[in-house]
Amino acid sequence: MTSPFHIKILTLFPEMFPGMAGISLSGKALEKGIWSFETIQLRDYTKDIHKTVDDTPFGGGAGMVIKPDILDKALCDHQPLGRFIYMSPRGKPLTQSLAHKLVKEPLLTILCGRYEGVDQRLLDSYEVEEISVGDYVLSGGEPAAMILLDSCIRLLPDVLGNAETHTEESFENGLLEYPHYTRPAEWIDSAGITRKVPEVLVSGHHAKVAAWRQSESEAITKVKRPDLWEKYIRSKA
């Protein structure tokens, strides 16, 4: 029996899952049935003795391409697919806003590519939604799928426990998160320098703490992510 948030993962390496999603808070949520997953081994849908899932690309070039007929058999055997996603460096960026939308879906199907990718005809036939986790290339879609899973699972009710954790994190309000401090209030680093927690944080004045955190978030975003800062300013205007 599946959970309210279920993920189907098409992969050549099912043993990689649940990976990091199977430990800590997301692992506990998995045990409680808050989310669930199943892996689909693409090689199970081959007929040759070598279980071949790929072939050389038409037009030449390096690498191999996963065959559309193999993928189609797997997909037909695991209907419904729900929201169908292909982890791809050419996809739209995974953002906090997108994660909030994805986690509202009862069913996600994630296709993890390998080699040079997947035959375009399969992607066109199923009108697959392509999502990227960054402007870099990985050896396969599995690590990217785990990042997507983690970004979604932590948003599910009763996973993190404290609702405020979500609202004050980076990207939730268009800004990067403010700095955090804990005990001891004074700490001497390895260079012998005494470093103190900002006075406002130990003042007990909640309004001043909130104002300080907002100011710090804005300053950090402006310096570290000018692209986000410009977006934030435009949204306020």
Protein backbone atom coordinates (compact mmCIF):
# COMPACT_ATOMS: atom_id res chain seq x y z
CA MET A 1 0.00 0.00 0.00
CA THR A 2 1.40 3.40 -1.01
CA SER A 3 1.47 6.60 1.03
CA PRO A 4 -0.18 9.97 0.22
CA PHE A 5 3.15 10.92 -1.43
CA HIS A 6 4.52 8.09 -3.57
CA ILE A 7 7.49 8.11 -5.96
CA LYS A 8 8.27 5.69 -8.77
CA ILE A 9 11.92 5.73 -9.86
CA LEU A 10 13.09 4.31 -13.17
CA THR A 11 16.79 3.53 -12.91
CA LEU A 12 19.61 1.18 -13.85
CA PHE A 13 20.80 1.28 -10.24
CA PRO A 14 17.86 0.64 -7.89
CA GLU A 15 20.26 -0.25 -5.10
CA MET A 16 21.10 3.46 -4.81
CA PHE A 17 17.70 4.17 -3.28
CA PRO A 18 16.47 5.39 -0.87
CA GLY A 19 20.04 6.52 -0.15
CA MET A 20 20.16 9.61 2.02
CA ALA A 21 16.35 9.76 1.99
CA GLY A 22 16.34 6.58 4.06
CA ILE A 23 18.10 8.08 7.09
CA SER A 24 17.46 10.81 9.65
CA LEU A 25 14.05 12.53 9.60
CA SER A 26 13.14 11.49 6.05
CA GLY A 27 14.02 7.89 6.95
CA LYS A 28 11.73 8.03 9.98
CA ALA A 29 9.00 9.49 7.78
CA LEU A 30 9.50 6.59 5.37
CA GLU A 31 9.06 4.10 8.22
CA LYS A 32 5.88 5.89 9.32
CA GLY A 33 4.42 5.75 5.81
CA ILE A 34 4.39 9.53 5.35
CA TRP A 35 6.03 8.90 1.97
CA SER A 36 6.87 5.78 -0.03
CA PHE A 37 8.80 4.79 -3.12
CA GLU A 38 9.42 1.96 -5.54
CA THR A 39 12.28 1.41 -7.98
CA ILE A 40 11.89 0.07 -11.50
CA GLN A 41 14.93 -1.67 -12.98
CA LEU A 42 15.08 -0.85 -16.69
CA ARG A 43 17.12 -3.96 -17.47
CA ASP A 44 14.11 -6.08 -16.49
CA TYR A 45 12.49 -4.97 -19.76
CA THR A 46 15.22 -6.17 -22.08
CA LYS A 47 15.12 -9.47 -23.99
CA ASP A 48 18.75 -10.12 -24.93
CA ILE A 49 21.14 -12.11 -22.75
CA HIS A 50 23.25 -9.02 -22.02
CA LYS A 51 20.21 -6.99 -20.88
CA THR A 52 21.14 -4.13 -23.19
CA VAL A 53 19.30 -0.88 -22.55
CA ASP A 54 21.32 1.47 -24.75
CA ASP A 55 22.71 1.87 -28.25
CA THR A 56 24.96 4.20 -30.24
CA PRO A 57 23.50 7.59 -31.21
CA PHE A 58 22.33 8.23 -34.77
CA GLY A 59 24.61 10.78 -36.41
CA GLY A 60 27.65 9.54 -34.54
CA GLY A 61 29.34 10.88 -31.46
CA ALA A 62 30.60 9.57 -28.15
CA GLY A 63 28.52 7.77 -25.58
CA MET A 64 25.37 5.69 -25.67
CA VAL A 65 21.67 6.54 -25.58
CA ILE A 66 18.96 4.68 -23.62
CA LYS A 67 16.54 3.05 -26.04
CA PRO A 68 12.93 4.28 -26.27
CA ASP A 69 11.33 0.86 -26.66
CA ILE A 70 12.87 -0.41 -23.42
CA LEU A 71 11.70 2.63 -21.50
CA ASP A 72 8.25 2.48 -23.04
CA LYS A 73 7.74 -1.10 -21.87
CA ALA A 74 8.68 -0.15 -18.33
CA LEU A 75 6.39 2.87 -18.35
CA CYS A 76 3.44 0.95 -19.77
CA ASP A 77 3.88 -1.65 -17.06
CA HIS A 78 3.77 0.94 -14.26
CA GLN A 79 0.78 3.11 -15.01
CA PRO A 80 -0.37 5.53 -13.72
CA LEU A 81 2.71 7.72 -13.73
CA GLY A 82 1.38 10.85 -12.08
CA ARG A 83 3.67 13.81 -12.70
CA PHE A 84 6.45 12.42 -14.91
CA ILE A 85 9.91 13.95 -14.42
CA TYR A 86 13.22 13.38 -16.18
CA MET A 87 16.32 14.55 -14.28
CA SER A 88 18.27 16.45 -16.91
CA PRO A 89 20.89 19.26 -16.93
CA ARG A 90 18.86 20.98 -19.66
CA GLY A 91 15.67 21.04 -17.55
CA LYS A 92 14.16 23.91 -15.63
CA PRO A 93 15.91 24.60 -12.30
CA LEU A 94 14.70 22.91 -9.14
CA THR A 95 13.65 25.75 -6.85
CA GLN A 96 11.99 25.93 -3.45
CA SER A 97 8.82 27.10 -5.15
CA LEU A 98 8.84 24.08 -7.47
CA ALA A 99 9.49 21.72 -4.55
CA HIS A 100 6.38 23.08 -2.82
CA LYS A 101 4.35 22.29 -5.95
CA LEU A 102 5.82 18.82 -6.44
CA VAL A 103 5.15 17.72 -2.87
CA LYS A 104 1.45 18.41 -3.39
CA GLU A 105 1.34 15.70 -6.06
CA PRO A 106 0.18 12.29 -4.78
CA LEU A 107 2.39 10.51 -7.32
CA LEU A 108 5.69 11.35 -9.00
CA THR A 109 7.54 9.21 -11.53
CA ILE A 110 11.22 10.07 -11.89
CA LEU A 111 13.33 8.88 -14.80
CA CYS A 112 17.07 8.69 -14.08
CA GLY A 113 19.16 8.85 -17.23
CA ARG A 114 22.65 7.47 -17.78
CA TYR A 115 25.28 7.66 -20.50
CA GLU A 116 24.37 10.39 -23.02
CA GLY A 117 20.75 10.39 -21.90
CA VAL A 118 17.42 9.17 -23.24
CA ASP A 119 16.10 8.92 -26.80
CA GLN A 120 14.27 12.21 -27.46
CA ARG A 121 11.30 10.42 -29.01
CA LEU A 122 10.42 8.86 -25.67
CA LEU A 123 10.54 12.25 -23.95
CA ASP A 124 8.36 13.77 -26.66
CA SER A 125 5.89 10.90 -26.62
CA TYR A 126 5.27 11.21 -22.88
CA GLU A 127 5.68 15.00 -22.75
CA VAL A 128 8.16 14.54 -19.94
CA GLU A 129 8.90 17.41 -17.57
CA GLU A 130 12.67 17.96 -17.40
CA ILE A 131 14.16 19.27 -14.14
CA SER A 132 17.77 20.23 -13.37
CA VAL A 133 19.44 20.47 -9.95
CA GLY A 134 22.20 22.78 -11.17
CA ASP A 135 24.43 23.93 -13.99
CA TYR A 136 26.75 20.93 -13.90
CA VAL A 137 26.81 17.37 -15.21
CA LEU A 138 26.49 14.22 -13.08
CA SER A 139 27.25 10.62 -14.01
CA GLY A 140 23.54 9.83 -13.89
CA GLY A 141 20.15 11.04 -12.76
CA GLU A 142 20.15 9.14 -9.47
CA PRO A 143 22.00 11.75 -7.33
CA ALA A 144 19.80 14.46 -8.84
CA ALA A 145 16.68 12.43 -8.05
CA MET A 146 17.80 12.13 -4.42
CA ILE A 147 18.20 15.90 -4.19
CA LEU A 148 14.71 16.38 -5.59
CA LEU A 149 13.32 13.80 -3.15
CA ASP A 150 14.99 15.43 -0.16
CA SER A 151 13.74 18.89 -1.11
CA CYS A 152 10.17 17.54 -1.28
CA ILE A 153 10.08 15.08 1.64
CA ARG A 154 11.18 17.67 4.19
CA LEU A 155 8.13 19.76 3.23
CA LEU A 156 5.66 16.99 4.04
CA PRO A 157 3.58 17.47 7.21
CA ASP A 158 5.08 15.92 10.35
CA VAL A 159 8.54 15.34 8.82
CA LEU A 160 10.45 18.24 10.36
CA GLY A 161 8.02 18.79 13.22
CA ASN A 162 8.38 22.58 13.51
CA ALA A 163 6.40 24.52 10.91
CA GLU A 164 8.56 27.63 11.48
CA THR A 165 11.57 25.73 10.14
CA HIS A 166 10.17 26.05 6.62
CA THR A 167 9.16 29.70 6.71
CA GLU A 168 12.54 30.98 7.93
CA GLU A 169 14.81 29.02 5.59
CA SER A 170 16.72 30.27 2.58
CA PHE A 171 14.59 30.88 -0.54
CA GLU A 172 11.27 30.65 1.29
CA ASN A 173 10.83 34.44 1.32
CA GLY A 174 13.12 35.27 -1.59
CA LEU A 175 16.17 35.80 0.62
CA LEU A 176 19.06 33.73 1.94
CA GLU A 177 18.81 32.74 5.58
CA TYR A 178 20.25 34.86 8.39
CA PRO A 179 23.24 33.59 10.51
CA HIS A 180 22.67 31.25 13.45
CA TYR A 181 24.40 31.15 16.84
CA THR A 182 24.21 28.87 19.90
CA ARG A 183 25.96 28.35 23.25
CA PRO A 184 28.50 29.31 24.46
CA ALA A 185 27.71 33.02 24.15
CA GLU A 186 31.47 33.71 24.10
CA TRP A 187 33.87 31.42 22.27
CA ILE A 188 37.65 31.70 21.84
CA ASP A 189 38.72 30.38 18.44
CA SER A 190 41.99 28.58 17.63
CA ALA A 191 43.69 31.93 16.95
CA GLY A 192 42.85 33.12 20.47
CA ILE A 193 40.20 35.59 19.30
CA THR A 194 37.12 35.95 21.49
CA ARG A 195 33.99 35.79 19.40
CA LYS A 196 30.67 36.83 20.92
CA VAL A 197 27.08 36.23 19.89
CA PRO A 198 25.44 39.48 18.65
CA GLU A 199 23.93 41.30 21.63
CA VAL A 200 20.49 41.56 20.06
CA LEU A 201 20.09 37.77 20.08
CA VAL A 202 20.49 37.57 23.85
CA SER A 203 18.39 40.67 24.54
CA GLY A 204 15.09 38.81 24.78
CA HIS A 205 13.49 41.52 22.60
CA HIS A 206 11.65 39.52 19.92
CA ALA A 207 10.85 42.46 17.66
CA LYS A 208 14.49 43.56 17.60
CA VAL A 209 15.61 39.96 16.93
CA ALA A 210 13.20 39.71 14.00
CA ALA A 211 14.41 43.04 12.58
CA TRP A 212 18.05 41.98 12.95
CA ARG A 213 17.41 38.69 11.18
CA GLN A 214 15.61 40.42 8.32
CA SER A 215 18.44 42.92 7.97
CA GLU A 216 21.08 40.17 7.98
CA SER A 217 19.16 38.12 5.39
CA GLU A 218 18.97 41.13 3.10
CA ALA A 219 22.66 41.97 3.51
CA ILE A 220 23.80 38.38 2.90
CA THR A 221 21.57 37.99 -0.15
CA LYS A 222 22.77 41.28 -1.62
CA VAL A 223 26.43 40.22 -1.35
CA LYS A 224 26.25 36.48 -2.08
CA ARG A 225 23.36 36.27 -4.53
CA PRO A 226 22.85 39.56 -6.36
CA ASP A 227 20.53 37.77 -8.78
CA LEU A 228 18.18 36.84 -5.91
CA TRP A 229 18.51 40.31 -4.46
CA GLU A 230 17.39 41.95 -7.71
CA LYS A 231 14.42 39.60 -7.83
CA TYR A 232 13.55 40.39 -4.23
CA ILE A 233 13.72 44.14 -4.83
CA ARG A 234 11.49 43.81 -7.90
CA SER A 235 8.94 41.79 -5.94
CA LYS A 236 8.80 44.46 -3.24
CA ALA A 237 8.37 47.19 -5.84
